[in-house]
């Protein structure tokens, strides 16, 4: 499969401690993205950040594991991303967690699936 040209980038911000059915929300999102056939998803763990409540979350040694920020990025064709948005909405509703979802234009220069070994 090859994707090239205009696409959408979904960026999802949430907390490391956000759970859905005793499983991290970020894990649920990645597994659902895979199930939906999206091109890929990557989870980034932040070392410091704050959200709506303006509470600082940091990885400093004295505050180990303080609900660090998580960012998930998903890039795919516009139609596939649009179809996935209700899934994201349902995950956030069911988990009752805070977060932020953004979408922006992206241009895919090259995306080719590798050979599975």
PDB file of N, CA and C in Angstrom:
ATOM      1  N   UNK A   1       0.850  -1.182   0.000  1.00  0.00           N
ATOM      2  CA  UNK A   1       0.000   0.000   0.000  1.00  0.00           C
ATOM      3  C   UNK A   1       0.891   1.239   0.000  1.00  0.00           C
ATOM      4  N   UNK A   2       0.511   2.206  -0.798  1.00  0.00           N
ATOM      5  CA  UNK A   2       1.253   3.458  -0.841  1.00  0.00           C
ATOM      6  C   UNK A   2       0.274   4.613  -0.718  1.00  0.00           C
ATOM      7  N   UNK A   3       0.632   5.580   0.114  1.00  0.00           N
ATOM      8  CA  UNK A   3      -0.164   6.791   0.279  1.00  0.00           C
ATOM      9  C   UNK A   3       0.733   7.957  -0.084  1.00  0.00           C
ATOM     10  N   UNK A   4       0.200   8.898  -0.850  1.00  0.00           N
ATOM     11  CA  UNK A   4       0.996  10.056  -1.227  1.00  0.00           C
ATOM     12  C   UNK A   4       0.048  11.228  -1.422  1.00  0.00           C
ATOM     13  N   UNK A   5       0.506  12.428  -1.077  1.00  0.00           N
ATOM     14  CA  UNK A   5      -0.292  13.622  -1.309  1.00  0.00           C
ATOM     15  C   UNK A   5      -0.925  14.157  -0.044  1.00  0.00           C
ATOM     16  N   UNK A   6      -2.050  14.857  -0.227  1.00  0.00           N
ATOM     17  CA  UNK A   6      -2.704  15.524   0.895  1.00  0.00           C
ATOM     18  C   UNK A   6      -3.309  14.520   1.872  1.00  0.00           C
ATOM     19  N   UNK A   7      -3.120  14.795   3.151  1.00  0.00           N
ATOM     20  CA  UNK A   7      -3.616  13.915   4.209  1.00  0.00           C
ATOM     21  C   UNK A   7      -3.984  14.763   5.417  1.00  0.00           C
ATOM     22  N   UNK A   8      -4.390  14.104   6.476  1.00  0.00           N
ATOM     23  CA  UNK A   8      -4.699  14.773   7.739  1.00  0.00           C
ATOM     24  C   UNK A   8      -3.856  14.174   8.851  1.00  0.00           C
ATOM     25  N   UNK A   9      -3.419  15.063   9.738  1.00  0.00           N
ATOM     26  CA  UNK A   9      -2.679  14.666  10.938  1.00  0.00           C
ATOM     27  C   UNK A   9      -3.594  14.893  12.131  1.00  0.00           C
ATOM     28  N   UNK A  10      -3.862  13.834  12.863  1.00  0.00           N
ATOM     29  CA  UNK A  10      -4.634  13.938  14.106  1.00  0.00           C
ATOM     30  C   UNK A  10      -3.632  13.910  15.236  1.00  0.00           C
ATOM     31  N   UNK A  11      -3.737  14.876  16.130  1.00  0.00           N
ATOM     32  CA  UNK A  11      -2.853  14.937  17.293  1.00  0.00           C
ATOM     33  C   UNK A  11      -3.754  14.912  18.524  1.00  0.00           C
ATOM     34  N   UNK A  12      -3.497  13.968  19.412  1.00  0.00           N
ATOM     35  CA  UNK A  12      -4.334  13.753  20.590  1.00  0.00           C
ATOM     36  C   UNK A  12      -3.473  13.953  21.835  1.00  0.00           C
ATOM     37  N   UNK A  13      -3.925  14.841  22.706  1.00  0.00           N
ATOM     38  CA  UNK A  13      -3.222  15.139  23.955  1.00  0.00           C
ATOM     39  C   UNK A  13      -4.039  14.574  25.104  1.00  0.00           C
ATOM     40  N   UNK A  14      -3.410  13.813  25.984  1.00  0.00           N
ATOM     41  CA  UNK A  14      -4.090  13.290  27.161  1.00  0.00           C
ATOM     42  C   UNK A  14      -3.065  12.979  28.235  1.00  0.00           C
ATOM     43  N   UNK A  15      -3.516  12.446  29.332  1.00  0.00           N
ATOM     44  CA  UNK A  15      -2.630  12.125  30.442  1.00  0.00           C
ATOM     45  C   UNK A  15      -2.272  10.660  30.477  1.00  0.00           C
ATOM     46  N   UNK A  16      -1.091  10.395  30.947  1.00  0.00           N
ATOM     47  CA  UNK A  16      -0.588   9.028  31.068  1.00  0.00           C
ATOM     48  C   UNK A  16      -1.482   8.167  31.965  1.00  0.00           C
ATOM     49  N   UNK A  17      -2.076   8.762  32.979  1.00  0.00           N
ATOM     50  CA  UNK A  17      -2.883   8.013  33.940  1.00  0.00           C
ATOM     51  C   UNK A  17      -4.338   7.831  33.511  1.00  0.00           C
ATOM     52  N   UNK A  18      -4.748   8.367  32.365  1.00  0.00           N
ATOM     53  CA  UNK A  18      -6.121   8.201  31.903  1.00  0.00           C
ATOM     54  C   UNK A  18      -6.354   6.744  31.520  1.00  0.00           C
ATOM     55  N   UNK A  19      -7.413   6.169  32.084  1.00  0.00           N
ATOM     56  CA  UNK A  19      -7.695   4.747  31.887  1.00  0.00           C
ATOM     57  C   UNK A  19      -9.089   4.517  31.321  1.00  0.00           C
ATOM     58  N   UNK A  20      -9.218   3.418  30.589  1.00  0.00           N
ATOM     59  CA  UNK A  20     -10.509   2.926  30.124  1.00  0.00           C
ATOM     60  C   UNK A  20     -10.497   1.418  30.319  1.00  0.00           C
ATOM     61  N   UNK A  21     -11.380   0.930  31.164  1.00  0.00           N
ATOM     62  CA  UNK A  21     -11.430  -0.506  31.506  1.00  0.00           C
ATOM     63  C   UNK A  21     -10.067  -1.000  31.994  1.00  0.00           C
ATOM     64  N   UNK A  22      -9.449  -0.250  32.880  1.00  0.00           N
ATOM     65  CA  UNK A  22      -8.168  -0.598  33.515  1.00  0.00           C
ATOM     66  C   UNK A  22      -7.007  -0.655  32.523  1.00  0.00           C
ATOM     67  N   UNK A  23      -7.159  -0.044  31.346  1.00  0.00           N
ATOM     68  CA  UNK A  23      -6.115  -0.022  30.336  1.00  0.00           C
ATOM     69  C   UNK A  23      -5.871   1.438  29.958  1.00  0.00           C
ATOM     70  N   UNK A  24      -4.620   1.836  29.711  1.00  0.00           N
ATOM     71  CA  UNK A  24      -4.355   3.227  29.336  1.00  0.00           C
ATOM     72  C   UNK A  24      -5.157   3.640  28.097  1.00  0.00           C
ATOM     73  N   UNK A  25      -5.708   4.842  28.132  1.00  0.00           N
ATOM     74  CA  UNK A  25      -6.502   5.355  27.002  1.00  0.00           C
ATOM     75  C   UNK A  25      -5.642   5.416  25.743  1.00  0.00           C
ATOM     76  N   UNK A  26      -4.371   5.805  25.883  1.00  0.00           N
ATOM     77  CA  UNK A  26      -3.512   5.871  24.699  1.00  0.00           C
ATOM     78  C   UNK A  26      -3.391   4.518  24.015  1.00  0.00           C
ATOM     79  N   UNK A  27      -3.346   3.447  24.800  1.00  0.00           N
ATOM     80  CA  UNK A  27      -3.258   2.098  24.243  1.00  0.00           C
ATOM     81  C   UNK A  27      -4.553   1.748  23.503  1.00  0.00           C
ATOM     82  N   UNK A  28      -5.676   2.099  24.095  1.00  0.00           N
ATOM     83  CA  UNK A  28      -6.970   1.854  23.450  1.00  0.00           C
ATOM     84  C   UNK A  28      -7.046   2.582  22.112  1.00  0.00           C
ATOM     85  N   UNK A  29      -6.599   3.839  22.080  1.00  0.00           N
ATOM     86  CA  UNK A  29      -6.646   4.620  20.844  1.00  0.00           C
ATOM     87  C   UNK A  29      -5.780   3.985  19.763  1.00  0.00           C
ATOM     88  N   UNK A  30      -4.572   3.576  20.096  1.00  0.00           N
ATOM     89  CA  UNK A  30      -3.673   2.969  19.110  1.00  0.00           C
ATOM     90  C   UNK A  30      -4.258   1.662  18.584  1.00  0.00           C
ATOM     91  N   UNK A  31      -4.800   0.832  19.469  1.00  0.00           N
ATOM     92  CA  UNK A  31      -5.378  -0.438  19.033  1.00  0.00           C
ATOM     93  C   UNK A  31      -6.606  -0.214  18.150  1.00  0.00           C
ATOM     94  N   UNK A  32      -7.420   0.790  18.477  1.00  0.00           N
ATOM     95  CA  UNK A  32      -8.587   1.103  17.652  1.00  0.00           C
ATOM     96  C   UNK A  32      -8.174   1.681  16.294  1.00  0.00           C
ATOM     97  N   UNK A  33      -7.106   2.473  16.273  1.00  0.00           N
ATOM     98  CA  UNK A  33      -6.594   3.009  15.008  1.00  0.00           C
ATOM     99  C   UNK A  33      -6.115   1.874  14.107  1.00  0.00           C
ATOM    100  N   UNK A  34      -5.472   0.915  14.704  1.00  0.00           N
ATOM    101  CA  UNK A  34      -5.004  -0.253  13.941  1.00  0.00           C
ATOM    102  C   UNK A  34      -6.182  -1.046  13.405  1.00  0.00           C
ATOM    103  N   UNK A  35      -7.179  -1.244  14.264  1.00  0.00           N
ATOM    104  CA  UNK A  35      -8.378  -1.975  13.860  1.00  0.00           C
ATOM    105  C   UNK A  35      -9.110  -1.255  12.714  1.00  0.00           C
ATOM    106  N   UNK A  36      -9.055   0.073  12.716  1.00  0.00           N
ATOM    107  CA  UNK A  36      -9.710   0.874  11.681  1.00  0.00           C
ATOM    108  C   UNK A  36      -8.907   0.914  10.380  1.00  0.00           C
ATOM    109  N   UNK A  37      -7.723   0.322  10.385  1.00  0.00           N
ATOM    110  CA  UNK A  37      -6.919   0.265   9.177  1.00  0.00           C
ATOM    111  C   UNK A  37      -6.175   1.540   8.852  1.00  0.00           C
ATOM    112  N   UNK A  38      -5.970   2.384   9.870  1.00  0.00           N
ATOM    113  CA  UNK A  38      -5.224   3.620   9.640  1.00  0.00           C
ATOM    114  C   UNK A  38      -3.753   3.300   9.370  1.00  0.00           C
ATOM    115  N   UNK A  39      -3.080   4.218   8.694  1.00  0.00           N
ATOM    116  CA  UNK A  39      -1.700   3.976   8.257  1.00  0.00           C
ATOM    117  C   UNK A  39      -0.741   3.729   9.413  1.00  0.00           C
ATOM    118  N   UNK A  40      -0.963   4.384  10.553  1.00  0.00           N
ATOM    119  CA  UNK A  40      -0.088   4.187  11.699  1.00  0.00           C
ATOM    120  C   UNK A  40      -0.393   5.177  12.794  1.00  0.00           C
ATOM    121  N   UNK A  41       0.106   4.903  13.963  1.00  0.00           N
ATOM    122  CA  UNK A  41      -0.070   5.783  15.117  1.00  0.00           C
ATOM    123  C   UNK A  41       1.194   5.703  15.957  1.00  0.00           C
ATOM    124  N   UNK A  42       1.582   6.844  16.510  1.00  0.00           N
ATOM    125  CA  UNK A  42       2.762   6.901  17.371  1.00  0.00           C
ATOM    126  C   UNK A  42       2.398   7.619  18.658  1.00  0.00           C
ATOM    127  N   UNK A  43       2.850   7.072  19.775  1.00  0.00           N
ATOM    128  CA  UNK A  43       2.610   7.662  21.091  1.00  0.00           C
ATOM    129  C   UNK A  43       3.919   8.263  21.589  1.00  0.00           C
ATOM    130  N   UNK A  44       3.835   9.535  22.014  1.00  0.00           N
ATOM    131  CA  UNK A  44       4.983  10.236  22.592  1.00  0.00           C
ATOM    132  C   UNK A  44       4.674  10.538  24.052  1.00  0.00           C
ATOM    133  N   UNK A  45       5.657  10.306  24.923  1.00  0.00           N
ATOM    134  CA  UNK A  45       5.506  10.616  26.340  1.00  0.00           C
ATOM    135  C   UNK A  45       6.268  11.906  26.632  1.00  0.00           C
ATOM    136  N   UNK A  46       5.557  12.897  27.150  1.00  0.00           N
ATOM    137  CA  UNK A  46       6.176  14.177  27.468  1.00  0.00           C
ATOM    138  C   UNK A  46       6.877  14.138  28.809  1.00  0.00           C
ATOM    139  N   UNK A  47       7.795  15.056  28.993  1.00  0.00           N
ATOM    140  CA  UNK A  47       8.498  15.141  30.280  1.00  0.00           C
ATOM    141  C   UNK A  47       7.950  16.263  31.141  1.00  0.00           C
ATOM    142  N   UNK A  48       7.135  17.142  30.518  1.00  0.00           N
ATOM    143  CA  UNK A  48       6.542  18.231  31.287  1.00  0.00           C
ATOM    144  C   UNK A  48       5.405  18.840  30.476  1.00  0.00           C
ATOM    145  N   UNK A  49       4.356  19.283  31.173  1.00  0.00           N
ATOM    146  CA  UNK A  49       3.246  19.937  30.490  1.00  0.00           C
ATOM    147  C   UNK A  49       2.175  20.355  31.467  1.00  0.00           C
ATOM    148  N   UNK A  50       1.149  21.035  30.928  1.00  0.00           N
ATOM    149  CA  UNK A  50      -0.017  21.370  31.729  1.00  0.00           C
ATOM    150  C   UNK A  50      -1.218  21.436  30.804  1.00  0.00           C
ATOM    151  N   UNK A  51      -2.400  21.310  31.397  1.00  0.00           N
ATOM    152  CA  UNK A  51      -3.638  21.333  30.631  1.00  0.00           C
ATOM    153  C   UNK A  51      -4.586  22.373  31.172  1.00  0.00           C
ATOM    154  N   UNK A  52      -5.880  22.114  31.010  1.00  0.00           N
ATOM    155  CA  UNK A  52      -6.923  23.062  31.361  1.00  0.00           C
ATOM    156  C   UNK A  52      -6.817  23.572  32.798  1.00  0.00           C
ATOM    157  N   UNK A  53      -6.510  22.689  33.728  1.00  0.00           N
ATOM    158  CA  UNK A  53      -6.443  23.068  35.141  1.00  0.00           C
ATOM    159  C   UNK A  53      -5.144  23.806  35.481  1.00  0.00           C
ATOM    160  N   UNK A  54      -4.257  23.944  34.520  1.00  0.00           N
ATOM    161  CA  UNK A  54      -2.961  24.608  34.683  1.00  0.00           C
ATOM    162  C   UNK A  54      -2.066  23.944  35.719  1.00  0.00           C
ATOM    163  N   UNK A  55      -2.328  22.699  36.035  1.00  0.00           N
ATOM    164  CA  UNK A  55      -1.477  21.950  36.962  1.00  0.00           C
ATOM    165  C   UNK A  55      -0.277  21.414  36.190  1.00  0.00           C
ATOM    166  N   UNK A  56       0.916  21.694  36.681  1.00  0.00           N
ATOM    167  CA  UNK A  56       2.138  21.233  36.023  1.00  0.00           C
ATOM    168  C   UNK A  56       2.325  19.740  36.285  1.00  0.00           C
ATOM    169  N   UNK A  57       2.585  18.998  35.221  1.00  0.00           N
ATOM    170  CA  UNK A  57       2.924  17.578  35.304  1.00  0.00           C
ATOM    171  C   UNK A  57       4.366  17.475  34.828  1.00  0.00           C
ATOM    172  N   UNK A  58       5.204  16.839  35.627  1.00  0.00           N
ATOM    173  CA  UNK A  58       6.627  16.797  35.299  1.00  0.00           C
ATOM    174  C   UNK A  58       7.227  15.445  35.652  1.00  0.00           C
ATOM    175  N   UNK A  59       8.358  15.144  35.018  1.00  0.00           N
ATOM    176  CA  UNK A  59       9.059  13.889  35.277  1.00  0.00           C
ATOM    177  C   UNK A  59      10.224  14.080  36.238  1.00  0.00           C
ATOM    178  N   UNK A  60      10.285  15.238  36.889  1.00  0.00           N
ATOM    179  CA  UNK A  60      11.383  15.474  37.830  1.00  0.00           C
ATOM    180  C   UNK A  60      11.419  14.377  38.888  1.00  0.00           C
ATOM    181  N   UNK A  61      12.594  14.084  39.359  1.00  0.00           N
ATOM    182  CA  UNK A  61      12.827  12.942  40.244  1.00  0.00           C
ATOM    183  C   UNK A  61      11.919  12.911  41.478  1.00  0.00           C
ATOM    184  N   UNK A  62      11.616  14.053  42.064  1.00  0.00           N
ATOM    185  CA  UNK A  62      10.785  14.063  43.264  1.00  0.00           C
ATOM    186  C   UNK A  62       9.302  13.893  42.963  1.00  0.00           C
ATOM    187  N   UNK A  63       8.931  13.996  41.693  1.00  0.00           N
ATOM    188  CA  UNK A  63       7.524  13.889  41.318  1.00  0.00           C
ATOM    189  C   UNK A  63       7.354  12.776  40.286  1.00  0.00           C
ATOM    190  N   UNK A  64       8.055  11.675  40.494  1.00  0.00           N
ATOM    191  CA  UNK A  64       8.039  10.577  39.544  1.00  0.00           C
ATOM    192  C   UNK A  64       6.616  10.102  39.257  1.00  0.00           C
ATOM    193  N   UNK A  65       6.336   9.829  38.015  1.00  0.00           N
ATOM    194  CA  UNK A  65       5.057   9.272  37.588  1.00  0.00           C
ATOM    195  C   UNK A  65       3.880  10.151  37.991  1.00  0.00           C
ATOM    196  N   UNK A  66       3.938  11.420  37.642  1.00  0.00           N
ATOM    197  CA  UNK A  66       2.881  12.381  37.972  1.00  0.00           C
ATOM    198  C   UNK A  66       1.968  12.634  36.780  1.00  0.00           C
ATOM    199  N   UNK A  67       1.339  11.600  36.248  1.00  0.00           N
ATOM    200  CA  UNK A  67       0.392  11.739  35.142  1.00  0.00           C
ATOM    201  C   UNK A  67       1.000  12.563  34.010  1.00  0.00           C
ATOM    202  N   UNK A  68       2.107  12.089  33.484  1.00  0.00           N
ATOM    203  CA  UNK A  68       2.827  12.818  32.445  1.00  0.00           C
ATOM    204  C   UNK A  68       1.990  12.972  31.174  1.00  0.00           C
ATOM    205  N   UNK A  69       2.271  14.022  30.398  1.00  0.00           N
ATOM    206  CA  UNK A  69       1.506  14.229  29.167  1.00  0.00           C
ATOM    207  C   UNK A  69       1.840  13.171  28.114  1.00  0.00           C
ATOM    208  N   UNK A  70       0.818  12.795  27.366  1.00  0.00           N
ATOM    209  CA  UNK A  70       0.943  11.848  26.268  1.00  0.00           C
ATOM    210  C   UNK A  70       0.404  12.527  25.012  1.00  0.00           C
ATOM    211  N   UNK A  71       1.109  12.361  23.902  1.00  0.00           N
ATOM    212  CA  UNK A  71       0.646  12.852  22.610  1.00  0.00           C
ATOM    213  C   UNK A  71       0.639  11.673  21.647  1.00  0.00           C
ATOM    214  N   UNK A  72      -0.477  11.510  20.954  1.00  0.00           N
ATOM    215  CA  UNK A  72      -0.598  10.470  19.934  1.00  0.00           C
ATOM    216  C   UNK A  72      -0.743  11.177  18.598  1.00  0.00           C
ATOM    217  N   UNK A  73       0.017  10.747  17.606  1.00  0.00           N
ATOM    218  CA  UNK A  73      -0.113  11.301  16.265  1.00  0.00           C
ATOM    219  C   UNK A  73      -0.520  10.195  15.302  1.00  0.00           C
ATOM    220  N   UNK A  74      -1.517  10.514  14.480  1.00  0.00           N
ATOM    221  CA  UNK A  74      -2.020   9.595  13.465  1.00  0.00           C
ATOM    222  C   UNK A  74      -2.110  10.380  12.160  1.00  0.00           C
ATOM    223  N   UNK A  75      -1.552   9.843  11.093  1.00  0.00           N
ATOM    224  CA  UNK A  75      -1.634  10.491   9.786  1.00  0.00           C
ATOM    225  C   UNK A  75      -2.227   9.495   8.799  1.00  0.00           C
ATOM    226  N   UNK A  76      -3.213   9.966   8.039  1.00  0.00           N
ATOM    227  CA  UNK A  76      -3.795   9.125   6.992  1.00  0.00           C
ATOM    228  C   UNK A  76      -4.628   9.997   6.068  1.00  0.00           C
ATOM    229  N   UNK A  77      -5.225   9.365   5.086  1.00  0.00           N
ATOM    230  CA  UNK A  77      -6.076  10.066   4.137  1.00  0.00           C
ATOM    231  C   UNK A  77      -7.258  10.694   4.868  1.00  0.00           C
ATOM    232  N   UNK A  78      -7.729  11.809   4.328  1.00  0.00           N
ATOM    233  CA  UNK A  78      -8.806  12.584   4.931  1.00  0.00           C
ATOM    234  C   UNK A  78     -10.017  11.714   5.292  1.00  0.00           C
ATOM    235  N   UNK A  79     -10.475  10.899   4.366  1.00  0.00           N
ATOM    236  CA  UNK A  79     -11.686  10.098   4.587  1.00  0.00           C
ATOM    237  C   UNK A  79     -11.521   9.118   5.747  1.00  0.00           C
ATOM    238  N   UNK A  80     -10.364   8.478   5.813  1.00  0.00           N
ATOM    239  CA  UNK A  80     -10.132   7.506   6.884  1.00  0.00           C
ATOM    240  C   UNK A  80     -10.059   8.186   8.248  1.00  0.00           C
ATOM    241  N   UNK A  81      -9.439   9.371   8.279  1.00  0.00           N
ATOM    242  CA  UNK A  81      -9.351  10.120   9.530  1.00  0.00           C
ATOM    243  C   UNK A  81     -10.738  10.573   9.972  1.00  0.00           C
ATOM    244  N   UNK A  82     -11.511  11.103   9.056  1.00  0.00           N
ATOM    245  CA  UNK A  82     -12.878  11.551   9.381  1.00  0.00           C
ATOM    246  C   UNK A  82     -13.720  10.408   9.921  1.00  0.00           C
ATOM    247  N   UNK A  83     -13.570   9.238   9.358  1.00  0.00           N
ATOM    248  CA  UNK A  83     -14.322   8.058   9.801  1.00  0.00           C
ATOM    249  C   UNK A  83     -13.899   7.628  11.212  1.00  0.00           C
ATOM    250  N   UNK A  84     -12.646   7.923  11.582  1.00  0.00           N
ATOM    251  CA  UNK A  84     -12.120   7.519  12.888  1.00  0.00           C
ATOM    252  C   UNK A  84     -12.499   8.489  14.013  1.00  0.00           C
ATOM    253  N   UNK A  85     -12.848   9.717  13.681  1.00  0.00           N
ATOM    254  CA  UNK A  85     -13.158  10.720  14.711  1.00  0.00           C
ATOM    255  C   UNK A  85     -14.273  10.303  15.676  1.00  0.00           C
ATOM    256  N   UNK A  86     -15.382   9.703  15.212  1.00  0.00           N
ATOM    257  CA  UNK A  86     -16.404   9.248  16.174  1.00  0.00           C
ATOM    258  C   UNK A  86     -15.867   8.191  17.150  1.00  0.00           C
ATOM    259  N   UNK A  87     -14.937   7.378  16.694  1.00  0.00           N
ATOM    260  CA  UNK A  87     -14.323   6.374  17.580  1.00  0.00           C
ATOM    261  C   UNK A  87     -13.561   7.087  18.694  1.00  0.00           C
ATOM    262  N   UNK A  88     -12.786   8.105  18.326  1.00  0.00           N
ATOM    263  CA  UNK A  88     -12.056   8.892  19.330  1.00  0.00           C
ATOM    264  C   UNK A  88     -13.024   9.540  20.319  1.00  0.00           C
ATOM    265  N   UNK A  89     -14.075  10.127  19.786  1.00  0.00           N
ATOM    266  CA  UNK A  89     -15.075  10.782  20.635  1.00  0.00           C
ATOM    267  C   UNK A  89     -15.647   9.786  21.648  1.00  0.00           C
ATOM    268  N   UNK A  90     -15.993   8.605  21.197  1.00  0.00           N
ATOM    269  CA  UNK A  90     -16.562   7.583  22.085  1.00  0.00           C
ATOM    270  C   UNK A  90     -15.573   7.138  23.156  1.00  0.00           C
ATOM    271  N   UNK A  91     -14.304   7.013  22.790  1.00  0.00           N
ATOM    272  CA  UNK A  91     -13.278   6.614  23.767  1.00  0.00           C
ATOM    273  C   UNK A  91     -13.187   7.662  24.872  1.00  0.00           C
ATOM    274  N   UNK A  92     -13.124   8.948  24.496  1.00  0.00           N
ATOM    275  CA  UNK A  92     -13.034  10.010  25.489  1.00  0.00           C
ATOM    276  C   UNK A  92     -14.289  10.066  26.359  1.00  0.00           C
ATOM    277  N   UNK A  93     -15.454   9.887  25.746  1.00  0.00           N
ATOM    278  CA  UNK A  93     -16.707   9.904  26.514  1.00  0.00           C
ATOM    279  C   UNK A  93     -16.756   8.758  27.514  1.00  0.00           C
ATOM    280  N   UNK A  94     -16.403   7.569  27.053  1.00  0.00           N
ATOM    281  CA  UNK A  94     -16.465   6.396  27.921  1.00  0.00           C
ATOM    282  C   UNK A  94     -15.421   6.466  29.038  1.00  0.00           C
ATOM    283  N   UNK A  95     -14.233   6.979  28.726  1.00  0.00           N
ATOM    284  CA  UNK A  95     -13.167   7.069  29.726  1.00  0.00           C
ATOM    285  C   UNK A  95     -13.384   8.221  30.695  1.00  0.00           C
ATOM    286  N   UNK A  96     -14.232   9.182  30.297  1.00  0.00           N
ATOM    287  CA  UNK A  96     -14.483  10.378  31.115  1.00  0.00           C
ATOM    288  C   UNK A  96     -13.169  11.073  31.481  1.00  0.00           C
ATOM    289  N   UNK A  97     -12.273  11.148  30.500  1.00  0.00           N
ATOM    290  CA  UNK A  97     -10.991  11.804  30.745  1.00  0.00           C
ATOM    291  C   UNK A  97     -10.933  13.110  29.965  1.00  0.00           C
ATOM    292  N   UNK A  98     -10.058  13.966  30.400  1.00  0.00           N
ATOM    293  CA  UNK A  98      -9.838  15.206  29.679  1.00  0.00           C
ATOM    294  C   UNK A  98      -8.860  14.977  28.543  1.00  0.00           C
ATOM    295  N   UNK A  99      -8.776  15.938  27.671  1.00  0.00           N
ATOM    296  CA  UNK A  99      -7.829  15.817  26.577  1.00  0.00           C
ATOM    297  C   UNK A  99      -8.128  16.832  25.494  1.00  0.00           C
ATOM    298  N   UNK A 100      -7.364  16.760  24.440  1.00  0.00           N
ATOM    299  CA  UNK A 100      -7.500  17.674  23.313  1.00  0.00           C
ATOM    300  C   UNK A 100      -7.199  16.897  22.042  1.00  0.00           C
ATOM    301  N   UNK A 101      -8.031  17.107  21.029  1.00  0.00           N
ATOM    302  CA  UNK A 101      -7.813  16.477  19.727  1.00  0.00           C
ATOM    303  C   UNK A 101      -7.725  17.589  18.697  1.00  0.00           C
ATOM    304  N   UNK A 102      -6.655  17.589  17.899  1.00  0.00           N
ATOM    305  CA  UNK A 102      -6.517  18.570  16.832  1.00  0.00           C
ATOM    306  C   UNK A 102      -6.339  17.845  15.503  1.00  0.00           C
ATOM    307  N   UNK A 103      -6.693  18.541  14.447  1.00  0.00           N
ATOM    308  CA  UNK A 103      -6.493  18.011  13.092  1.00  0.00           C
ATOM    309  C   UNK A 103      -5.857  19.120  12.265  1.00  0.00           C
ATOM    310  N   UNK A 104      -4.888  18.735  11.476  1.00  0.00           N
ATOM    311  CA  UNK A 104      -4.279  19.700  10.576  1.00  0.00           C
ATOM    312  C   UNK A 104      -3.922  19.020   9.265  1.00  0.00           C
ATOM    313  N   UNK A 105      -3.715  19.837   8.245  1.00  0.00           N
ATOM    314  CA  UNK A 105      -3.312  19.313   6.946  1.00  0.00           C
ATOM    315  C   UNK A 105      -1.896  18.775   7.030  1.00  0.00           C
ATOM    316  N   UNK A 106      -1.681  17.706   6.315  1.00  0.00           N
ATOM    317  CA  UNK A 106      -0.337  17.144   6.209  1.00  0.00           C
ATOM    318  C   UNK A 106      -0.137  16.715   4.760  1.00  0.00           C
ATOM    319  N   UNK A 107       1.064  16.792   4.309  1.00  0.00           N
ATOM    320  CA  UNK A 107       1.373  16.286   2.977  1.00  0.00           C
ATOM    321  C   UNK A 107       2.297  15.096   3.130  1.00  0.00           C
ATOM    322  N   UNK A 108       1.845  13.983   2.649  1.00  0.00           N
ATOM    323  CA  UNK A 108       2.656  12.767   2.717  1.00  0.00           C
ATOM    324  C   UNK A 108       3.598  12.773   1.515  1.00  0.00           C
ATOM    325  N   UNK A 109       4.864  12.763   1.792  1.00  0.00           N
ATOM    326  CA  UNK A 109       5.876  12.730   0.748  1.00  0.00           C
ATOM    327  C   UNK A 109       6.075  11.293   0.276  1.00  0.00           C
ATOM    328  N   UNK A 110       6.168  10.383   1.244  1.00  0.00           N
ATOM    329  CA  UNK A 110       6.304   8.968   0.910  1.00  0.00           C
ATOM    330  C   UNK A 110       5.838   8.130   2.085  1.00  0.00           C
ATOM    331  N   UNK A 111       5.015   7.160   1.797  1.00  0.00           N
ATOM    332  CA  UNK A 111       4.600   6.167   2.787  1.00  0.00           C
ATOM    333  C   UNK A 111       4.412   4.859   2.042  1.00  0.00           C
ATOM    334  N   UNK A 112       5.264   3.913   2.321  1.00  0.00           N
ATOM    335  CA  UNK A 112       5.164   2.604   1.704  1.00  0.00           C
ATOM    336  C   UNK A 112       5.293   1.589   2.808  1.00  0.00           C
ATOM    337  N   UNK A 113       4.385   0.630   2.844  1.00  0.00           N
ATOM    338  CA  UNK A 113       4.490  -0.407   3.870  1.00  0.00           C
ATOM    339  C   UNK A 113       5.674  -1.296   3.573  1.00  0.00           C
ATOM    340  N   UNK A 114       6.361  -1.704   4.624  1.00  0.00           N
ATOM    341  CA  UNK A 114       7.517  -2.583   4.477  1.00  0.00           C
ATOM    342  C   UNK A 114       7.088  -4.033   4.350  1.00  0.00           C
ATOM    343  N   UNK A 115       8.036  -4.863   4.033  1.00  0.00           N
ATOM    344  CA  UNK A 115       7.769  -6.307   3.970  1.00  0.00           C
ATOM    345  C   UNK A 115       7.680  -6.856   5.374  1.00  0.00           C
ATOM    346  N   UNK A 116       6.612  -7.550   5.670  1.00  0.00           N
ATOM    347  CA  UNK A 116       6.485  -8.183   6.978  1.00  0.00           C
ATOM    348  C   UNK A 116       7.322  -9.442   7.008  1.00  0.00           C
ATOM    349  N   UNK A 117       8.105  -9.591   8.045  1.00  0.00           N
ATOM    350  CA  UNK A 117       8.991 -10.755   8.149  1.00  0.00           C
ATOM    351  C   UNK A 117       8.389 -11.807   9.010  1.00  0.00           C
TER     352      UNK A 117
END
